[in-house]
Amino acid sequence: MALGKRVPLGLKVLLTSIAVIDDLGHRHHCRVLHAVFGAAVPAGAFGLFMLLLTLNRLGVGRVWPYLLIGAALWYATYRSGVHATLAGVLLALTIPLQQRGARDSALCGSSTAFTLG
């Protein structure tokens, strides 16, 4: 383990056991959900992510389309058995930080604001 000799052996065994049980439970959970929902839900989540990427590539700057599709992506990800936090990460990767043609940074005009010395 990464913690070495600083951690008692009993705690290492307990943490390893919890990790193994959690992993086995997660695998069983995923198998059950996959049997119930099949591959349609993960494929739908992938399709929604592709739609978000398309919106980004087309330069859509409004946030509401991303939020609506992101909510559907979250639901599809949740129903597929994958941790729903992944939907938030994928959504965050597709939302543009600023509109096309805008300046690189809000601080570009005030370059003397942060000087050293």
N, C-alpha and C. Protein backbone atom coordinates (compact mmCIF):
# COMPACT_ATOMS: atom_id res chain seq x y z
N MET A 1 0.84 -1.19 0.00
CA MET A 1 0.00 0.00 0.00
C MET A 1 0.87 1.25 0.00
N ALA A 2 0.29 2.34 -0.36
CA ALA A 2 1.03 3.58 -0.49
C ALA A 2 1.41 4.19 0.86
N LEU A 3 0.71 3.83 1.91
CA LEU A 3 0.97 4.46 3.20
C LEU A 3 2.10 3.81 3.98
N GLY A 4 2.49 2.63 3.58
CA GLY A 4 3.66 1.98 4.18
C GLY A 4 3.47 1.58 5.63
N LYS A 5 4.51 1.81 6.43
CA LYS A 5 4.54 1.34 7.82
C LYS A 5 3.79 2.26 8.77
N ARG A 6 3.36 3.41 8.32
CA ARG A 6 2.69 4.36 9.21
C ARG A 6 1.28 3.93 9.58
N VAL A 7 0.69 3.03 8.81
CA VAL A 7 -0.68 2.61 9.05
C VAL A 7 -0.68 1.20 9.62
N PRO A 8 -1.47 0.95 10.68
CA PRO A 8 -1.53 -0.39 11.27
C PRO A 8 -2.05 -1.43 10.28
N LEU A 9 -1.58 -2.66 10.43
CA LEU A 9 -1.96 -3.74 9.54
C LEU A 9 -3.47 -3.97 9.54
N GLY A 10 -4.10 -3.88 10.69
CA GLY A 10 -5.55 -4.08 10.77
C GLY A 10 -6.32 -3.09 9.93
N LEU A 11 -5.88 -1.84 9.91
CA LEU A 11 -6.54 -0.82 9.11
C LEU A 11 -6.34 -1.08 7.61
N LYS A 12 -5.16 -1.56 7.24
CA LYS A 12 -4.90 -1.90 5.83
C LYS A 12 -5.82 -3.03 5.39
N VAL A 13 -5.98 -4.06 6.23
CA VAL A 13 -6.85 -5.18 5.89
C VAL A 13 -8.30 -4.72 5.79
N LEU A 14 -8.73 -3.87 6.71
CA LEU A 14 -10.10 -3.37 6.69
C LEU A 14 -10.37 -2.58 5.41
N LEU A 15 -9.48 -1.66 5.06
CA LEU A 15 -9.67 -0.84 3.86
C LEU A 15 -9.64 -1.68 2.59
N THR A 16 -8.76 -2.66 2.54
CA THR A 16 -8.71 -3.54 1.37
C THR A 16 -9.98 -4.36 1.26
N SER A 17 -10.49 -4.85 2.38
CA SER A 17 -11.73 -5.63 2.37
C SER A 17 -12.91 -4.78 1.91
N ILE A 18 -12.99 -3.56 2.40
CA ILE A 18 -14.07 -2.67 1.98
C ILE A 18 -13.99 -2.40 0.49
N ALA A 19 -12.78 -2.20 -0.04
CA ALA A 19 -12.62 -1.93 -1.47
C ALA A 19 -13.05 -3.13 -2.31
N VAL A 20 -12.70 -4.34 -1.85
CA VAL A 20 -13.06 -5.54 -2.60
C VAL A 20 -14.57 -5.74 -2.58
N ILE A 21 -15.18 -5.60 -1.42
CA ILE A 21 -16.64 -5.77 -1.31
C ILE A 21 -17.37 -4.72 -2.14
N ASP A 22 -16.88 -3.48 -2.09
CA ASP A 22 -17.49 -2.42 -2.88
C ASP A 22 -17.39 -2.72 -4.38
N ASP A 23 -16.24 -3.21 -4.82
CA ASP A 23 -16.05 -3.53 -6.23
C ASP A 23 -16.97 -4.66 -6.66
N LEU A 24 -17.08 -5.70 -5.84
CA LEU A 24 -17.97 -6.82 -6.18
C LEU A 24 -19.43 -6.38 -6.22
N GLY A 25 -19.82 -5.54 -5.27
CA GLY A 25 -21.19 -5.03 -5.26
C GLY A 25 -21.48 -4.18 -6.48
N HIS A 26 -20.51 -3.36 -6.89
CA HIS A 26 -20.69 -2.51 -8.06
C HIS A 26 -20.82 -3.35 -9.33
N ARG A 27 -20.01 -4.39 -9.44
CA ARG A 27 -20.09 -5.26 -10.62
C ARG A 27 -21.45 -5.93 -10.71
N HIS A 28 -21.96 -6.41 -9.57
CA HIS A 28 -23.27 -7.05 -9.56
C HIS A 28 -24.35 -6.04 -9.94
N HIS A 29 -24.25 -4.85 -9.39
CA HIS A 29 -25.20 -3.77 -9.67
C HIS A 29 -25.22 -3.45 -11.16
N CYS A 30 -24.05 -3.36 -11.78
CA CYS A 30 -23.96 -3.05 -13.21
C CYS A 30 -24.54 -4.17 -14.06
N ARG A 31 -24.30 -5.42 -13.67
CA ARG A 31 -24.85 -6.54 -14.42
C ARG A 31 -26.37 -6.54 -14.38
N VAL A 32 -26.94 -6.27 -13.22
CA VAL A 32 -28.40 -6.25 -13.09
C VAL A 32 -28.98 -5.13 -13.94
N LEU A 33 -28.39 -3.93 -13.86
CA LEU A 33 -28.91 -2.81 -14.64
C LEU A 33 -28.74 -3.05 -16.14
N HIS A 34 -27.64 -3.66 -16.53
CA HIS A 34 -27.44 -3.94 -17.95
C HIS A 34 -28.45 -4.96 -18.45
N ALA A 35 -28.78 -5.93 -17.61
CA ALA A 35 -29.78 -6.93 -18.01
C ALA A 35 -31.16 -6.30 -18.14
N VAL A 36 -31.47 -5.32 -17.26
CA VAL A 36 -32.78 -4.70 -17.29
C VAL A 36 -32.90 -3.71 -18.45
N PHE A 37 -31.89 -2.84 -18.61
CA PHE A 37 -32.00 -1.76 -19.57
C PHE A 37 -31.30 -2.04 -20.89
N GLY A 38 -30.47 -3.06 -20.96
CA GLY A 38 -29.76 -3.38 -22.18
C GLY A 38 -28.75 -2.30 -22.53
N ALA A 39 -28.40 -2.24 -23.77
CA ALA A 39 -27.39 -1.28 -24.22
C ALA A 39 -28.00 0.01 -24.73
N ALA A 40 -29.32 0.14 -24.71
CA ALA A 40 -29.96 1.33 -25.27
C ALA A 40 -29.67 2.58 -24.44
N VAL A 41 -29.65 2.47 -23.13
CA VAL A 41 -29.43 3.64 -22.29
C VAL A 41 -28.00 4.16 -22.42
N PRO A 42 -26.95 3.32 -22.35
CA PRO A 42 -25.61 3.85 -22.57
C PRO A 42 -25.42 4.42 -23.97
N ALA A 43 -26.06 3.82 -24.97
CA ALA A 43 -25.97 4.36 -26.33
C ALA A 43 -26.65 5.72 -26.41
N GLY A 44 -27.76 5.87 -25.69
CA GLY A 44 -28.43 7.17 -25.65
C GLY A 44 -27.58 8.22 -24.97
N ALA A 45 -26.89 7.84 -23.90
CA ALA A 45 -26.00 8.77 -23.22
C ALA A 45 -24.86 9.18 -24.13
N PHE A 46 -24.33 8.24 -24.88
CA PHE A 46 -23.26 8.56 -25.83
C PHE A 46 -23.77 9.51 -26.92
N GLY A 47 -24.99 9.26 -27.40
CA GLY A 47 -25.58 10.13 -28.40
C GLY A 47 -25.80 11.54 -27.89
N LEU A 48 -26.22 11.67 -26.64
CA LEU A 48 -26.39 13.00 -26.04
C LEU A 48 -25.06 13.71 -25.90
N PHE A 49 -24.01 12.98 -25.55
CA PHE A 49 -22.69 13.58 -25.45
C PHE A 49 -22.22 14.06 -26.83
N MET A 50 -22.49 13.27 -27.86
CA MET A 50 -22.12 13.69 -29.22
C MET A 50 -22.89 14.94 -29.63
N LEU A 51 -24.15 15.03 -29.21
CA LEU A 51 -24.94 16.22 -29.49
C LEU A 51 -24.35 17.45 -28.79
N LEU A 52 -23.90 17.28 -27.56
CA LEU A 52 -23.24 18.38 -26.85
C LEU A 52 -21.96 18.81 -27.55
N LEU A 53 -21.18 17.85 -28.02
CA LEU A 53 -19.97 18.19 -28.76
C LEU A 53 -20.30 18.94 -30.05
N THR A 54 -21.39 18.54 -30.72
CA THR A 54 -21.80 19.21 -31.95
C THR A 54 -22.21 20.64 -31.67
N LEU A 55 -22.96 20.86 -30.59
CA LEU A 55 -23.32 22.23 -30.21
C LEU A 55 -22.07 23.08 -29.99
N ASN A 56 -21.08 22.50 -29.34
CA ASN A 56 -19.84 23.23 -29.07
C ASN A 56 -19.13 23.56 -30.38
N ARG A 57 -19.04 22.60 -31.28
CA ARG A 57 -18.34 22.82 -32.55
C ARG A 57 -19.06 23.83 -33.43
N LEU A 58 -20.40 23.90 -33.30
CA LEU A 58 -21.17 24.88 -34.06
C LEU A 58 -21.09 26.28 -33.46
N GLY A 59 -20.52 26.39 -32.27
CA GLY A 59 -20.34 27.69 -31.64
C GLY A 59 -21.55 28.20 -30.89
N VAL A 60 -22.43 27.31 -30.46
CA VAL A 60 -23.59 27.73 -29.68
C VAL A 60 -23.10 28.27 -28.35
N GLY A 61 -23.39 29.54 -28.08
CA GLY A 61 -22.87 30.18 -26.89
C GLY A 61 -23.85 30.26 -25.73
N ARG A 62 -25.11 30.01 -25.99
CA ARG A 62 -26.11 30.06 -24.91
C ARG A 62 -25.98 28.82 -24.04
N VAL A 63 -26.30 28.99 -22.78
CA VAL A 63 -26.09 27.89 -21.83
C VAL A 63 -27.29 26.95 -21.76
N TRP A 64 -28.50 27.46 -22.00
CA TRP A 64 -29.68 26.62 -21.76
C TRP A 64 -29.73 25.35 -22.61
N PRO A 65 -29.28 25.34 -23.90
CA PRO A 65 -29.30 24.05 -24.60
C PRO A 65 -28.38 23.02 -23.95
N TYR A 66 -27.24 23.49 -23.47
CA TYR A 66 -26.30 22.58 -22.80
C TYR A 66 -26.92 22.04 -21.51
N LEU A 67 -27.62 22.90 -20.78
CA LEU A 67 -28.21 22.44 -19.52
C LEU A 67 -29.34 21.45 -19.74
N LEU A 68 -30.17 21.69 -20.75
CA LEU A 68 -31.26 20.74 -21.03
C LEU A 68 -30.72 19.39 -21.48
N ILE A 69 -29.79 19.42 -22.41
CA ILE A 69 -29.21 18.16 -22.88
C ILE A 69 -28.38 17.52 -21.77
N GLY A 70 -27.71 18.35 -20.96
CA GLY A 70 -26.94 17.84 -19.84
C GLY A 70 -27.80 17.14 -18.81
N ALA A 71 -29.00 17.65 -18.57
CA ALA A 71 -29.93 16.99 -17.64
C ALA A 71 -30.34 15.62 -18.18
N ALA A 72 -30.61 15.56 -19.49
CA ALA A 72 -30.96 14.27 -20.09
C ALA A 72 -29.76 13.33 -20.06
N LEU A 73 -28.56 13.86 -20.27
CA LEU A 73 -27.34 13.06 -20.20
C LEU A 73 -27.15 12.51 -18.78
N TRP A 74 -27.39 13.35 -17.78
CA TRP A 74 -27.26 12.90 -16.39
C TRP A 74 -28.21 11.75 -16.12
N TYR A 75 -29.46 11.90 -16.57
CA TYR A 75 -30.46 10.86 -16.32
C TYR A 75 -30.08 9.56 -17.03
N ALA A 76 -29.66 9.67 -18.29
CA ALA A 76 -29.27 8.46 -19.03
C ALA A 76 -28.06 7.80 -18.41
N THR A 77 -27.10 8.60 -17.94
CA THR A 77 -25.92 8.05 -17.29
C THR A 77 -26.30 7.38 -15.98
N TYR A 78 -27.17 8.02 -15.23
CA TYR A 78 -27.64 7.46 -13.96
C TYR A 78 -28.35 6.13 -14.18
N ARG A 79 -29.22 6.07 -15.19
CA ARG A 79 -29.97 4.85 -15.47
C ARG A 79 -29.10 3.73 -16.03
N SER A 80 -27.96 4.09 -16.63
CA SER A 80 -27.11 3.06 -17.22
C SER A 80 -26.26 2.34 -16.18
N GLY A 81 -26.18 2.86 -14.97
CA GLY A 81 -25.39 2.22 -13.93
C GLY A 81 -24.02 2.81 -13.76
N VAL A 82 -23.66 3.75 -14.60
CA VAL A 82 -22.38 4.44 -14.47
C VAL A 82 -22.60 5.58 -13.48
N HIS A 83 -21.57 5.93 -12.73
CA HIS A 83 -21.71 7.00 -11.75
C HIS A 83 -22.11 8.29 -12.46
N ALA A 84 -23.17 8.92 -11.99
CA ALA A 84 -23.74 10.08 -12.67
C ALA A 84 -22.83 11.30 -12.64
N THR A 85 -21.81 11.31 -11.81
CA THR A 85 -20.86 12.40 -11.82
C THR A 85 -20.15 12.51 -13.16
N LEU A 86 -20.01 11.38 -13.84
CA LEU A 86 -19.39 11.39 -15.16
C LEU A 86 -20.15 12.28 -16.13
N ALA A 87 -21.47 12.32 -16.01
CA ALA A 87 -22.27 13.20 -16.88
C ALA A 87 -21.92 14.66 -16.64
N GLY A 88 -21.70 15.04 -15.40
CA GLY A 88 -21.31 16.42 -15.10
C GLY A 88 -19.94 16.76 -15.68
N VAL A 89 -19.03 15.82 -15.62
CA VAL A 89 -17.70 16.05 -16.19
C VAL A 89 -17.78 16.18 -17.70
N LEU A 90 -18.54 15.31 -18.35
CA LEU A 90 -18.69 15.39 -19.80
C LEU A 90 -19.38 16.68 -20.22
N LEU A 91 -20.39 17.09 -19.45
CA LEU A 91 -21.07 18.35 -19.75
C LEU A 91 -20.12 19.53 -19.61
N ALA A 92 -19.32 19.53 -18.56
CA ALA A 92 -18.37 20.63 -18.35
C ALA A 92 -17.34 20.70 -19.46
N LEU A 93 -16.99 19.56 -20.05
CA LEU A 93 -16.03 19.56 -21.14
C LEU A 93 -16.59 20.17 -22.42
N THR A 94 -17.91 20.21 -22.55
CA THR A 94 -18.50 20.68 -23.80
C THR A 94 -18.99 22.12 -23.74
N ILE A 95 -19.26 22.67 -22.57
CA ILE A 95 -19.75 24.05 -22.47
C ILE A 95 -18.61 24.99 -22.81
N PRO A 96 -18.82 25.91 -23.77
CA PRO A 96 -17.75 26.84 -24.12
C PRO A 96 -17.49 27.83 -22.98
N LEU A 97 -16.23 28.15 -22.79
CA LEU A 97 -15.88 29.10 -21.74
C LEU A 97 -16.28 30.52 -22.10
N GLN A 98 -16.19 30.84 -23.38
CA GLN A 98 -16.56 32.17 -23.84
C GLN A 98 -17.00 32.06 -25.29
N GLN A 99 -17.65 33.10 -25.76
CA GLN A 99 -18.13 33.08 -27.13
C GLN A 99 -16.97 33.23 -28.10
N ARG A 100 -17.16 32.75 -29.30
CA ARG A 100 -16.10 32.85 -30.31
C ARG A 100 -15.84 34.30 -30.64
N GLY A 101 -14.57 34.61 -30.81
CA GLY A 101 -14.19 35.97 -31.13
C GLY A 101 -13.97 36.85 -29.91
N ALA A 102 -14.25 36.31 -28.72
CA ALA A 102 -14.05 37.09 -27.51
C ALA A 102 -12.57 37.08 -27.15
N ARG A 103 -12.17 37.97 -26.27
CA ARG A 103 -10.77 38.01 -25.84
C ARG A 103 -10.41 36.74 -25.10
N ASP A 104 -9.12 36.46 -25.05
CA ASP A 104 -8.65 35.25 -24.37
C ASP A 104 -8.88 35.31 -22.87
N SER A 105 -8.82 36.48 -22.29
CA SER A 105 -8.95 36.59 -20.85
C SER A 105 -9.57 37.92 -20.49
N ALA A 106 -10.26 37.93 -19.40
CA ALA A 106 -10.84 39.19 -18.94
C ALA A 106 -9.77 40.14 -18.46
N LEU A 107 -8.58 39.64 -18.16
CA LEU A 107 -7.49 40.49 -17.65
C LEU A 107 -6.58 40.99 -18.74
N CYS A 108 -6.91 40.71 -20.02
CA CYS A 108 -6.02 41.12 -21.11
C CYS A 108 -5.82 42.62 -21.15
N GLY A 109 -6.86 43.38 -20.89
CA GLY A 109 -6.76 44.83 -20.97
C GLY A 109 -6.00 45.45 -19.81
N SER A 110 -5.89 44.74 -18.72
CA SER A 110 -5.23 45.30 -17.54
C SER A 110 -4.00 44.46 -17.20
N SER A 111 -3.00 44.53 -18.07
CA SER A 111 -1.82 43.71 -17.87
C SER A 111 -0.97 44.17 -16.71
N THR A 112 -1.18 45.38 -16.23
CA THR A 112 -0.39 45.87 -15.10
C THR A 112 -1.05 45.56 -13.77
N ALA A 113 -2.17 44.87 -13.79
CA ALA A 113 -2.88 44.58 -12.54
C ALA A 113 -2.08 43.64 -11.65
N PHE A 114 -1.37 42.71 -12.24
CA PHE A 114 -0.60 41.74 -11.46
C PHE A 114 0.86 41.84 -11.82
N THR A 115 1.56 42.68 -11.14
CA THR A 115 3.01 42.81 -11.37
C THR A 115 3.76 42.37 -10.14
N LEU A 116 4.90 41.83 -10.35
CA LEU A 116 5.72 41.39 -9.23
C LEU A 116 6.73 42.47 -8.89
N GLY A 117 6.98 42.65 -7.61
CA GLY A 117 8.02 43.56 -7.17
C GLY A 117 7.50 44.88 -6.92
